[in-house]
Amino acid sequence: MRLNVGNRLLVTLCTYNERENLVTLIPEIWKYVPDAEILVVDDNSPDGTGPFLEEWITREPRLHHLGRPAKQGLGTATRAALQYAVEHDYTLVCNLDADFSHHPRYLPAILAAMESADVTIGSRYVAGGGVEGWGVRRHFMSQAINAYARLLLGLKTKDNSGAYRCYRVAKLRELNFERFLATGYAIQEELLYRCRQVGCRFAEVPIQFEERRHGVSKIRFSEGFRACWVILRVALQGK
C-alpha cells in the first residue's frame, strides 16, 4: 500500500527478546507498506536486539531504534513510541506486537479505515475477527478485561486490550502523556480512554490474532489483575 502524498507513517514495535521474530517481521511490514518507517523500542534485550538493529540501520534508512537502559514495561515503551511519532512529525503511527501475533497483512485495511477515523483498532472481537491458539483461561481474561474497561471507562469499542492500532498523530498531540498511569498492559485501555476524551473517532477492522512464532509469551494471569487496578485508577482520575 502506497501512502498519500505528504503523509508519513511510522510503524512501532516494542520489544524485549524478540530478535528472532524481528528478522522476518520487519521485511514483512515493508512488503505491505513499503513507504513506512519502522521504530523499534527495545528495553536492552539480553538477546542482542539493540546491536542487531544498529547494524541493520547502517544499511536501511527506514529503520530506527530507540534503546532504553532496562526493562521498564510495555506501557512506558508504548508511550515512548507514540511520543517519538509526535516529536518527529509523522502523520500516522501504527503499533503492533513484535512476535507475529499481529500479522502485517492487515495494515492496508487498518490504514484505509483511517480515512474516516482518528484511531483504528485491529480487532479480534468484531465480525470477521478472531483468535487462534488460546485456551479457555486466556479467552476469559481478555473478555473480562474488555467488559471491565467498557464499564468503567465508557468505551464503546469491542477490542480495548489489543495493541494492533493506528493513531492520527495530530490527535496524539492533544494528549497529556504526563497524566498517564499505566506502565504495563493497561496502557491499551488507557490510551483509548484518553483518545476518547479529546474527541477521537474510532474504527475497528477485523483481524485474526495468531500465536507467536518464536520465543515465550510475556502475558501472565497476574497482569490481568494489575490492569484492572490501573483501569480503576484511570476511571477515578477522570471523575
C-alpha atoms as a PDB file:
ATOM      1  CA  MET A   1       0.000   0.000   0.000  1.00  0.00           C
ATOM      2  CA  ARG A   2       1.359   3.420  -1.003  1.00  0.00           C
ATOM      3  CA  LEU A   3       0.679   6.413   1.217  1.00  0.00           C
ATOM      4  CA  ASN A   4      -0.954   9.622   0.054  1.00  0.00           C
ATOM      5  CA  VAL A   5       1.495  12.387  -0.844  1.00  0.00           C
ATOM      6  CA  GLY A   6       2.575  14.262   2.277  1.00  0.00           C
ATOM      7  CA  ASN A   7       1.595  11.516   4.721  1.00  0.00           C
ATOM      8  CA  ARG A   8       4.330   9.994   6.850  1.00  0.00           C
ATOM      9  CA  LEU A   9       3.706   6.641   8.510  1.00  0.00           C
ATOM     10  CA  LEU A  10       5.613   5.243  11.452  1.00  0.00           C
ATOM     11  CA  VAL A  11       5.161   1.604  12.477  1.00  0.00           C
ATOM     12  CA  THR A  12       6.299   0.930  16.034  1.00  0.00           C
ATOM     13  CA  LEU A  13       7.360  -2.326  17.678  1.00  0.00           C
ATOM     14  CA  CYS A  14       8.001  -2.542  21.433  1.00  0.00           C
ATOM     15  CA  THR A  15      10.387  -5.397  22.130  1.00  0.00           C
ATOM     16  CA  TYR A  16      12.073  -7.476  24.766  1.00  0.00           C
ATOM     17  CA  ASN A  17      13.912 -10.543  23.468  1.00  0.00           C
ATOM     18  CA  GLU A  18      12.202 -10.549  20.054  1.00  0.00           C
ATOM     19  CA  ARG A  19      15.271 -10.500  17.794  1.00  0.00           C
ATOM     20  CA  GLU A  20      14.363 -13.825  16.173  1.00  0.00           C
ATOM     21  CA  ASN A  21      10.930 -12.505  15.202  1.00  0.00           C
ATOM     22  CA  LEU A  22      12.200  -9.109  14.006  1.00  0.00           C
ATOM     23  CA  VAL A  23      14.375 -10.735  11.340  1.00  0.00           C
ATOM     24  CA  THR A  24      11.279 -11.697   9.352  1.00  0.00           C
ATOM     25  CA  LEU A  25       8.658  -9.290  10.737  1.00  0.00           C
ATOM     26  CA  ILE A  26      10.342  -6.062   9.621  1.00  0.00           C
ATOM     27  CA  PRO A  27      10.663  -7.079   5.935  1.00  0.00           C
ATOM     28  CA  GLU A  28       7.072  -8.375   6.081  1.00  0.00           C
ATOM     29  CA  ILE A  29       5.860  -4.945   7.228  1.00  0.00           C
ATOM     30  CA  TRP A  30       7.598  -3.302   4.276  1.00  0.00           C
ATOM     31  CA  LYS A  31       6.012  -5.847   1.947  1.00  0.00           C
ATOM     32  CA  TYR A  32       2.586  -4.350   2.759  1.00  0.00           C
ATOM     33  CA  VAL A  33       3.568  -0.711   3.447  1.00  0.00           C
ATOM     34  CA  PRO A  34       6.866  -0.018   1.676  1.00  0.00           C
ATOM     35  CA  ASP A  35       6.699   3.710   2.441  1.00  0.00           C
ATOM     36  CA  ALA A  36       6.552   3.178   6.199  1.00  0.00           C
ATOM     37  CA  GLU A  37       9.374   3.908   8.575  1.00  0.00           C
ATOM     38  CA  ILE A  38       9.768   1.475  11.459  1.00  0.00           C
ATOM     39  CA  LEU A  39      10.757   2.287  15.034  1.00  0.00           C
ATOM     40  CA  VAL A  40      11.801  -0.487  17.402  1.00  0.00           C
ATOM     41  CA  VAL A  41      11.668   0.451  21.087  1.00  0.00           C
ATOM     42  CA  ASP A  42      13.859  -2.080  22.857  1.00  0.00           C
ATOM     43  CA  ASP A  43      14.432  -2.443  26.590  1.00  0.00           C
ATOM     44  CA  ASN A  44      18.073  -3.590  26.429  1.00  0.00           C
ATOM     45  CA  SER A  45      17.091  -7.141  25.451  1.00  0.00           C
ATOM     46  CA  PRO A  46      19.628  -9.784  26.530  1.00  0.00           C
ATOM     47  CA  ASP A  47      19.252 -11.477  23.120  1.00  0.00           C
ATOM     48  CA  GLY A  48      21.243  -8.685  21.447  1.00  0.00           C
ATOM     49  CA  THR A  49      18.341  -6.903  19.756  1.00  0.00           C
ATOM     50  CA  GLY A  50      19.995  -3.485  20.172  1.00  0.00           C
ATOM     51  CA  PRO A  51      23.326  -4.190  18.411  1.00  0.00           C
ATOM     52  CA  PHE A  52      21.485  -6.208  15.764  1.00  0.00           C
ATOM     53  CA  LEU A  53      19.264  -3.219  14.967  1.00  0.00           C
ATOM     54  CA  GLU A  54      22.125  -0.727  14.988  1.00  0.00           C
ATOM     55  CA  GLU A  55      23.948  -2.767  12.345  1.00  0.00           C
ATOM     56  CA  TRP A  56      20.768  -3.075  10.248  1.00  0.00           C
ATOM     57  CA  ILE A  57      20.189   0.690  10.437  1.00  0.00           C
ATOM     58  CA  THR A  58      23.518   1.340   8.708  1.00  0.00           C
ATOM     59  CA  ARG A  59      22.018  -0.333   5.608  1.00  0.00           C
ATOM     60  CA  GLU A  60      18.373   0.750   5.937  1.00  0.00           C
ATOM     61  CA  PRO A  61      17.308   4.413   6.409  1.00  0.00           C
ATOM     62  CA  ARG A  62      13.658   3.452   7.026  1.00  0.00           C
ATOM     63  CA  LEU A  63      14.590   1.688  10.273  1.00  0.00           C
ATOM     64  CA  HIS A  64      15.036   3.419  13.652  1.00  0.00           C
ATOM     65  CA  HIS A  65      15.984   2.150  17.089  1.00  0.00           C
ATOM     66  CA  LEU A  66      15.064   3.669  20.441  1.00  0.00           C
ATOM     67  CA  GLY A  67      17.105   1.804  23.023  1.00  0.00           C
ATOM     68  CA  ARG A  68      16.234   2.002  26.705  1.00  0.00           C
ATOM     69  CA  PRO A  69      18.594   1.043  29.557  1.00  0.00           C
ATOM     70  CA  ALA A  70      16.443  -1.683  31.132  1.00  0.00           C
ATOM     71  CA  LYS A  71      13.054  -3.383  31.050  1.00  0.00           C
ATOM     72  CA  GLN A  72      10.574  -0.660  32.020  1.00  0.00           C
ATOM     73  CA  GLY A  73       7.211  -2.098  30.978  1.00  0.00           C
ATOM     74  CA  LEU A  74       5.047  -2.183  27.878  1.00  0.00           C
ATOM     75  CA  GLY A  75       3.126   0.921  28.919  1.00  0.00           C
ATOM     76  CA  THR A  76       6.149   3.193  29.088  1.00  0.00           C
ATOM     77  CA  ALA A  77       7.548   1.697  25.876  1.00  0.00           C
ATOM     78  CA  THR A  78       4.282   2.347  24.024  1.00  0.00           C
ATOM     79  CA  ARG A  79       4.164   5.918  25.280  1.00  0.00           C
ATOM     80  CA  ALA A  80       7.768   6.460  24.196  1.00  0.00           C
ATOM     81  CA  ALA A  81       6.900   5.187  20.712  1.00  0.00           C
ATOM     82  CA  LEU A  82       3.884   7.480  20.372  1.00  0.00           C
ATOM     83  CA  GLN A  83       5.792  10.470  21.689  1.00  0.00           C
ATOM     84  CA  TYR A  84       8.533   9.748  19.157  1.00  0.00           C
ATOM     85  CA  ALA A  85       5.889   9.935  16.402  1.00  0.00           C
ATOM     86  CA  VAL A  86       4.670  13.280  17.748  1.00  0.00           C
ATOM     87  CA  GLU A  87       8.171  14.748  18.112  1.00  0.00           C
ATOM     88  CA  HIS A  88       9.218  13.678  14.604  1.00  0.00           C
ATOM     89  CA  ASP A  89       6.079  14.968  12.846  1.00  0.00           C
ATOM     90  CA  TYR A  90       4.638  11.759  11.436  1.00  0.00           C
ATOM     91  CA  THR A  91       1.076  11.802  10.120  1.00  0.00           C
ATOM     92  CA  LEU A  92       0.045   8.339  11.316  1.00  0.00           C
ATOM     93  CA  VAL A  93       1.563   5.878  13.754  1.00  0.00           C
ATOM     94  CA  CYS A  94       0.684   2.173  13.831  1.00  0.00           C
ATOM     95  CA  ASN A  95       1.655  -0.137  16.638  1.00  0.00           C
ATOM     96  CA  LEU A  96       1.738  -3.930  16.525  1.00  0.00           C
ATOM     97  CA  ASP A  97       3.223  -6.707  18.602  1.00  0.00           C
ATOM     98  CA  ALA A  98       6.702  -7.824  17.612  1.00  0.00           C
ATOM     99  CA  ASP A  99       6.016 -11.570  17.815  1.00  0.00           C
ATOM    100  CA  PHE A 100       3.905 -12.019  14.625  1.00  0.00           C
ATOM    101  CA  SER A 101       0.661 -12.369  16.586  1.00  0.00           C
ATOM    102  CA  HIS A 102      -0.383  -9.234  14.668  1.00  0.00           C
ATOM    103  CA  HIS A 103       0.249 -10.044  11.023  1.00  0.00           C
ATOM    104  CA  PRO A 104       1.245  -7.084   8.806  1.00  0.00           C
ATOM    105  CA  ARG A 105      -1.201  -8.186   6.085  1.00  0.00           C
ATOM    106  CA  TYR A 106      -3.895  -6.242   7.962  1.00  0.00           C
ATOM    107  CA  LEU A 107      -2.039  -2.934   7.773  1.00  0.00           C
ATOM    108  CA  PRO A 108      -3.576  -1.802   4.421  1.00  0.00           C
ATOM    109  CA  ALA A 109      -7.126  -2.281   5.765  1.00  0.00           C
ATOM    110  CA  ILE A 110      -6.280  -0.517   9.019  1.00  0.00           C
ATOM    111  CA  LEU A 111      -4.760   2.402   7.138  1.00  0.00           C
ATOM    112  CA  ALA A 112      -7.737   2.600   4.768  1.00  0.00           C
ATOM    113  CA  ALA A 113     -10.048   2.947   7.786  1.00  0.00           C
ATOM    114  CA  MET A 114      -8.047   5.974   8.915  1.00  0.00           C
ATOM    115  CA  GLU A 115      -9.652   7.965   6.108  1.00  0.00           C
ATOM    116  CA  SER A 116     -12.616   8.486   8.437  1.00  0.00           C
ATOM    117  CA  ALA A 117     -11.147   7.730  11.877  1.00  0.00           C
ATOM    118  CA  ASP A 118      -8.534   9.038  14.295  1.00  0.00           C
ATOM    119  CA  VAL A 119      -7.906   5.649  15.913  1.00  0.00           C
ATOM    120  CA  THR A 120      -8.333   2.320  14.142  1.00  0.00           C
ATOM    121  CA  ILE A 121      -8.143  -0.936  16.087  1.00  0.00           C
ATOM    122  CA  GLY A 122      -7.147  -4.263  14.585  1.00  0.00           C
ATOM    123  CA  SER A 123      -9.988  -6.037  16.354  1.00  0.00           C
ATOM    124  CA  ARG A 124     -10.392  -9.647  17.433  1.00  0.00           C
ATOM    125  CA  TYR A 125     -13.945  -9.053  18.580  1.00  0.00           C
ATOM    126  CA  VAL A 126     -15.836  -7.670  15.579  1.00  0.00           C
ATOM    127  CA  ALA A 127     -17.369  -9.759  12.793  1.00  0.00           C
ATOM    128  CA  GLY A 128     -14.603 -11.499  10.867  1.00  0.00           C
ATOM    129  CA  GLY A 129     -12.092 -11.231  13.711  1.00  0.00           C
ATOM    130  CA  GLY A 130     -10.873 -13.997  15.970  1.00  0.00           C
ATOM    131  CA  VAL A 131      -8.101 -15.649  17.944  1.00  0.00           C
ATOM    132  CA  GLU A 132      -6.045 -18.733  17.164  1.00  0.00           C
ATOM    133  CA  GLY A 133      -4.425 -20.981  19.742  1.00  0.00           C
ATOM    134  CA  TRP A 134      -5.792 -19.635  23.035  1.00  0.00           C
ATOM    135  CA  GLY A 135      -7.048 -21.723  25.912  1.00  0.00           C
ATOM    136  CA  VAL A 136     -10.156 -21.038  27.980  1.00  0.00           C
ATOM    137  CA  ARG A 137      -8.215 -19.176  30.677  1.00  0.00           C
ATOM    138  CA  ARG A 138      -6.723 -16.599  28.323  1.00  0.00           C
ATOM    139  CA  HIS A 139     -10.036 -16.108  26.495  1.00  0.00           C
ATOM    140  CA  PHE A 140     -11.716 -15.441  29.839  1.00  0.00           C
ATOM    141  CA  MET A 141      -9.055 -12.945  30.941  1.00  0.00           C
ATOM    142  CA  SER A 142      -9.272 -10.996  27.672  1.00  0.00           C
ATOM    143  CA  GLN A 143     -13.072 -10.868  27.557  1.00  0.00           C
ATOM    144  CA  ALA A 144     -13.331  -9.930  31.237  1.00  0.00           C
ATOM    145  CA  ILE A 145     -10.863  -7.045  30.947  1.00  0.00           C
ATOM    146  CA  ASN A 146     -12.632  -5.749  27.840  1.00  0.00           C
ATOM    147  CA  ALA A 147     -16.011  -5.762  29.580  1.00  0.00           C
ATOM    148  CA  TYR A 148     -14.489  -4.147  32.666  1.00  0.00           C
ATOM    149  CA  ALA A 149     -12.904  -1.359  30.582  1.00  0.00           C
ATOM    150  CA  ARG A 150     -16.140  -0.675  28.734  1.00  0.00           C
ATOM    151  CA  LEU A 151     -17.982  -0.401  32.045  1.00  0.00           C
ATOM    152  CA  LEU A 152     -15.508   1.792  33.939  1.00  0.00           C
ATOM    153  CA  LEU A 153     -14.104   3.917  31.112  1.00  0.00           C
ATOM    154  CA  GLY A 154     -17.215   4.267  28.974  1.00  0.00           C
ATOM    155  CA  LEU A 155     -15.564   2.756  25.911  1.00  0.00           C
ATOM    156  CA  LYS A 156     -17.787   1.679  23.013  1.00  0.00           C
ATOM    157  CA  THR A 157     -15.159  -0.271  21.063  1.00  0.00           C
ATOM    158  CA  LYS A 158     -15.146  -4.088  21.201  1.00  0.00           C
ATOM    159  CA  ASP A 159     -11.418  -4.779  21.432  1.00  0.00           C
ATOM    160  CA  ASN A 160      -9.922  -2.474  24.034  1.00  0.00           C
ATOM    161  CA  SER A 161      -6.992  -4.608  25.167  1.00  0.00           C
ATOM    162  CA  GLY A 162      -5.330  -5.378  21.840  1.00  0.00           C
ATOM    163  CA  ALA A 163      -2.210  -3.474  20.764  1.00  0.00           C
ATOM    164  CA  TYR A 164      -2.729  -3.585  16.981  1.00  0.00           C
ATOM    165  CA  ARG A 165      -3.736   0.010  16.272  1.00  0.00           C
ATOM    166  CA  CYS A 166      -3.214   3.103  14.181  1.00  0.00           C
ATOM    167  CA  TYR A 167      -3.405   6.639  15.576  1.00  0.00           C
ATOM    168  CA  ARG A 168      -3.635  10.053  13.926  1.00  0.00           C
ATOM    169  CA  VAL A 169      -0.628  11.910  15.288  1.00  0.00           C
ATOM    170  CA  ALA A 170      -2.414  15.283  15.245  1.00  0.00           C
ATOM    171  CA  LYS A 171      -4.812  13.896  17.877  1.00  0.00           C
ATOM    172  CA  LEU A 172      -1.982  12.386  19.931  1.00  0.00           C
ATOM    173  CA  ARG A 173      -0.582  15.906  20.253  1.00  0.00           C
ATOM    174  CA  GLU A 174      -3.675  16.779  22.275  1.00  0.00           C
ATOM    175  CA  LEU A 175      -2.905  14.146  24.917  1.00  0.00           C
ATOM    176  CA  ASN A 176      -1.074  14.947  28.133  1.00  0.00           C
ATOM    177  CA  PHE A 177       1.234  11.956  28.422  1.00  0.00           C
ATOM    178  CA  GLU A 178       2.290  13.134  31.891  1.00  0.00           C
ATOM    179  CA  ARG A 179      -1.169  12.172  33.187  1.00  0.00           C
ATOM    180  CA  PHE A 180      -0.904   8.546  32.057  1.00  0.00           C
ATOM    181  CA  LEU A 181      -0.905   5.997  34.869  1.00  0.00           C
ATOM    182  CA  ALA A 182      -0.306   2.675  33.094  1.00  0.00           C
ATOM    183  CA  THR A 183       3.198   1.260  32.894  1.00  0.00           C
ATOM    184  CA  GLY A 184       2.119  -2.227  31.808  1.00  0.00           C
ATOM    185  CA  TYR A 185      -0.600  -3.805  29.674  1.00  0.00           C
ATOM    186  CA  ALA A 186      -3.339  -1.426  30.833  1.00  0.00           C
ATOM    187  CA  ILE A 187      -1.806   1.164  28.513  1.00  0.00           C
ATOM    188  CA  GLN A 188      -4.118  -0.149  25.773  1.00  0.00           C
ATOM    189  CA  GLU A 189      -7.328   0.703  27.616  1.00  0.00           C
ATOM    190  CA  GLU A 190      -5.942   3.954  28.972  1.00  0.00           C
ATOM    191  CA  LEU A 191      -4.948   5.135  25.501  1.00  0.00           C
ATOM    192  CA  LEU A 192      -8.472   4.607  24.176  1.00  0.00           C
ATOM    193  CA  TYR A 193      -9.907   6.448  27.163  1.00  0.00           C
ATOM    194  CA  ARG A 194      -7.546   9.412  26.726  1.00  0.00           C
ATOM    195  CA  CYS A 195      -8.237   9.488  22.982  1.00  0.00           C
ATOM    196  CA  ARG A 196     -11.993   9.476  23.630  1.00  0.00           C
ATOM    197  CA  GLN A 197     -11.517  12.460  25.948  1.00  0.00           C
ATOM    198  CA  VAL A 198     -10.019  14.533  23.106  1.00  0.00           C
ATOM    199  CA  GLY A 199     -12.815  13.621  20.697  1.00  0.00           C
ATOM    200  CA  CYS A 200     -11.196  10.898  18.586  1.00  0.00           C
ATOM    201  CA  ARG A 201     -13.281   8.974  16.064  1.00  0.00           C
ATOM    202  CA  PHE A 202     -12.844   5.202  16.353  1.00  0.00           C
ATOM    203  CA  ALA A 203     -12.987   2.353  13.855  1.00  0.00           C
ATOM    204  CA  GLU A 204     -12.399  -1.397  14.185  1.00  0.00           C
ATOM    205  CA  VAL A 205     -11.071  -3.657  11.436  1.00  0.00           C
ATOM    206  CA  PRO A 206     -11.254  -7.451  11.878  1.00  0.00           C
ATOM    207  CA  ILE A 207      -8.024  -9.376  12.380  1.00  0.00           C
ATOM    208  CA  GLN A 208      -7.128 -12.935  13.268  1.00  0.00           C
ATOM    209  CA  PHE A 209      -4.821 -12.934  16.275  1.00  0.00           C
ATOM    210  CA  GLU A 210      -2.164 -15.650  15.840  1.00  0.00           C
ATOM    211  CA  GLU A 211       0.202 -17.347  18.274  1.00  0.00           C
ATOM    212  CA  ARG A 212       3.750 -16.012  18.361  1.00  0.00           C
ATOM    213  CA  ARG A 213       6.245 -17.668  16.004  1.00  0.00           C
ATOM    214  CA  HIS A 214       9.304 -17.624  18.270  1.00  0.00           C
ATOM    215  CA  GLY A 215      10.021 -17.052  21.937  1.00  0.00           C
ATOM    216  CA  VAL A 216       7.856 -17.179  25.035  1.00  0.00           C
ATOM    217  CA  SER A 217       4.740 -15.116  25.782  1.00  0.00           C
ATOM    218  CA  LYS A 218       5.170 -12.473  28.473  1.00  0.00           C
ATOM    219  CA  ILE A 219       1.452 -12.428  29.384  1.00  0.00           C
ATOM    220  CA  ARG A 220       0.727 -13.663  32.911  1.00  0.00           C
ATOM    221  CA  PHE A 221      -2.650 -14.036  34.641  1.00  0.00           C
ATOM    222  CA  SER A 222      -1.416 -11.620  37.315  1.00  0.00           C
ATOM    223  CA  GLU A 223      -1.154  -8.945  34.615  1.00  0.00           C
ATOM    224  CA  GLY A 224      -4.925  -9.010  34.336  1.00  0.00           C
ATOM    225  CA  PHE A 225      -5.329  -8.063  38.000  1.00  0.00           C
ATOM    226  CA  ARG A 226      -2.770  -5.280  37.659  1.00  0.00           C
ATOM    227  CA  ALA A 227      -4.558  -3.971  34.572  1.00  0.00           C
ATOM    228  CA  CYS A 228      -7.908  -3.922  36.410  1.00  0.00           C
ATOM    229  CA  TRP A 229      -6.395  -1.898  39.242  1.00  0.00           C
ATOM    230  CA  VAL A 230      -4.877   0.653  36.832  1.00  0.00           C
ATOM    231  CA  ILE A 231      -8.137   0.934  34.859  1.00  0.00           C
ATOM    232  CA  LEU A 232      -9.958   1.704  38.108  1.00  0.00           C
ATOM    233  CA  ARG A 233      -7.400   4.403  38.961  1.00  0.00           C
ATOM    234  CA  VAL A 234      -7.752   5.918  35.473  1.00  0.00           C
ATOM    235  CA  ALA A 235     -11.534   5.982  35.835  1.00  0.00           C
ATOM    236  CA  LEU A 236     -11.319   7.649  39.260  1.00  0.00           C
ATOM    237  CA  GLN A 237      -8.786  10.199  37.986  1.00  0.00           C
ATOM    238  CA  GLY A 238     -11.250  11.233  35.306  1.00  0.00           C
ATOM    239  CA  LYS A 239     -14.093  11.851  37.745  1.00  0.00           C
END
